Amino acid sequence: AISLREAAPDRIGARLRELAEKARSMVRHSLEALMNMDADMARAVLEADNEVDEDYYALVGELKQHMAARPDKNEATVGWLLAAKHIERIADLATNIAEDTIYTVDGEIVRHRSC
């Protein structure tokens, strides 16, 4: 069995938890925005996605450096990379809900544009 805890630097677990918390918050706020038909809250979700993306790419860069420095741990580090990617994808799905909410409330198409 691969031990992810042993494979990555100590800070990776904490950073992944922070990323997951941000994605969870985005899901919650995107659903609240939809239920309340609140385009402003939905726009805040879009802004939060930019932060999640930045954090995700920084984490990926750090994991790539770790892979170069510790090739003996690459198999486990790939697990961290996949976990980070799936969390980032959850944030993207929350963004899709927010974009649909903005369209429903304001009739404005915001997909593929920054707010």
Protein backbone atom coordinates (compact mmCIF):
# COMPACT_ATOMS: atom_id res chain seq x y z
CA ALA A 1 0.00 0.00 0.00
CA ILE A 2 1.12 3.51 -0.78
CA SER A 3 1.36 5.89 2.14
CA LEU A 4 0.44 9.36 0.97
CA ARG A 5 1.36 10.79 4.35
CA GLU A 6 4.98 9.67 3.94
CA ALA A 7 5.19 10.65 0.27
CA ALA A 8 4.71 14.40 0.43
CA PRO A 9 6.14 17.26 2.46
CA ASP A 10 4.23 18.12 5.63
CA ARG A 11 2.67 21.27 4.21
CA ILE A 12 1.03 19.45 1.29
CA GLY A 13 -1.66 17.87 3.42
CA ALA A 14 -2.53 21.21 4.99
CA ARG A 15 -2.61 22.95 1.62
CA LEU A 16 -4.82 20.24 0.17
CA ARG A 17 -7.22 20.63 3.11
CA GLU A 18 -7.32 24.40 2.52
CA LEU A 19 -8.08 23.83 -1.15
CA ALA A 20 -10.84 21.39 -0.24
CA GLU A 21 -12.36 23.85 2.24
CA LYS A 22 -12.43 26.58 -0.40
CA ALA A 23 -14.09 24.23 -2.89
CA ARG A 24 -16.64 23.13 -0.27
CA SER A 25 -17.46 26.75 0.48
CA MET A 26 -17.90 27.45 -3.22
CA VAL A 27 -20.34 24.56 -3.58
CA ARG A 28 -22.33 25.77 -0.57
CA HIS A 29 -22.43 29.36 -1.81
CA SER A 30 -23.28 28.42 -5.38
CA LEU A 31 -26.23 26.37 -4.18
CA GLU A 32 -27.36 29.15 -1.83
CA ALA A 33 -27.11 31.63 -4.71
CA LEU A 34 -29.24 29.34 -6.87
CA MET A 35 -31.87 28.76 -4.20
CA ASN A 36 -32.07 32.47 -3.37
CA MET A 37 -31.68 33.64 -6.97
CA ASP A 38 -28.79 35.83 -5.83
CA ALA A 39 -26.60 36.86 -8.76
CA ASP A 40 -24.22 38.82 -6.52
CA MET A 41 -23.48 35.75 -4.41
CA ALA A 42 -23.00 33.76 -7.61
CA ARG A 43 -20.47 36.33 -8.83
CA ALA A 44 -18.58 35.95 -5.54
CA VAL A 45 -18.29 32.23 -6.32
CA LEU A 46 -16.69 33.09 -9.66
CA GLU A 47 -14.14 35.26 -7.88
CA ALA A 48 -13.40 32.47 -5.40
CA ASP A 49 -12.69 30.14 -8.32
CA ASN A 50 -9.81 32.35 -9.39
CA GLU A 51 -8.24 31.92 -5.95
CA VAL A 52 -8.77 28.15 -6.03
CA ASP A 53 -7.15 27.97 -9.46
CA GLU A 54 -4.12 29.93 -8.24
CA ASP A 55 -3.78 27.71 -5.18
CA TYR A 56 -4.17 24.58 -7.29
CA TYR A 57 -1.46 25.58 -9.77
CA ALA A 58 0.89 26.55 -6.94
CA LEU A 59 0.30 23.17 -5.29
CA VAL A 60 0.89 21.32 -8.56
CA GLY A 61 4.16 23.21 -9.02
CA GLU A 62 5.28 22.26 -5.55
CA LEU A 63 4.36 18.61 -6.12
CA LYS A 64 6.28 18.58 -9.41
CA GLN A 65 9.35 19.87 -7.58
CA HIS A 66 8.85 17.17 -4.96
CA MET A 67 8.65 14.54 -7.70
CA ALA A 68 11.93 15.75 -9.20
CA ALA A 69 13.62 15.76 -5.81
CA ARG A 70 12.16 12.45 -4.60
CA PRO A 71 11.52 10.18 -7.60
CA ASP A 72 11.26 7.21 -5.24
CA LYS A 73 7.98 8.75 -3.98
CA ASN A 74 6.48 9.55 -7.39
CA GLU A 75 3.75 6.92 -7.26
CA ALA A 76 2.36 8.33 -4.04
CA THR A 77 2.86 11.93 -5.16
CA VAL A 78 0.67 11.22 -8.18
CA GLY A 79 -2.06 10.41 -5.65
CA TRP A 80 -1.69 13.91 -4.19
CA LEU A 81 -1.81 15.40 -7.70
CA LEU A 82 -4.99 13.51 -8.53
CA ALA A 83 -6.64 14.51 -5.26
CA ALA A 84 -5.80 18.17 -5.93
CA LYS A 85 -7.16 17.93 -9.49
CA HIS A 86 -10.43 16.41 -8.32
CA ILE A 87 -10.87 19.12 -5.70
CA GLU A 88 -10.17 21.80 -8.31
CA ARG A 89 -12.77 20.17 -10.56
CA ILE A 90 -15.36 20.34 -7.77
CA ALA A 91 -14.68 24.09 -7.58
CA ASP A 92 -15.18 24.31 -11.35
CA LEU A 93 -18.54 22.58 -11.04
CA ALA A 94 -19.59 25.06 -8.35
CA THR A 95 -18.59 27.80 -10.78
CA ASN A 96 -20.84 26.27 -13.44
CA ILE A 97 -23.79 26.43 -11.02
CA ALA A 98 -22.95 30.08 -10.27
CA GLU A 99 -22.72 30.92 -13.98
CA ASP A 100 -26.12 29.32 -14.61
CA THR A 101 -27.57 31.26 -11.68
CA ILE A 102 -26.29 34.56 -13.09
CA TYR A 103 -27.84 33.69 -16.44
CA THR A 104 -31.15 32.74 -14.83
CA VAL A 105 -31.34 35.89 -12.69
CA ASP A 106 -29.79 38.53 -14.95
CA GLY A 107 -29.90 36.95 -18.41
CA GLU A 108 -26.16 37.53 -18.69
CA ILE A 109 -23.88 34.89 -20.15
CA VAL A 110 -20.66 34.88 -18.11
CA ARG A 111 -19.17 31.54 -19.13
CA HIS A 112 -15.58 31.70 -20.37
CA ARG A 113 -15.24 35.29 -19.18
CA SER A 114 -13.89 36.69 -15.95
CA CYS A 115 -16.25 38.73 -13.77
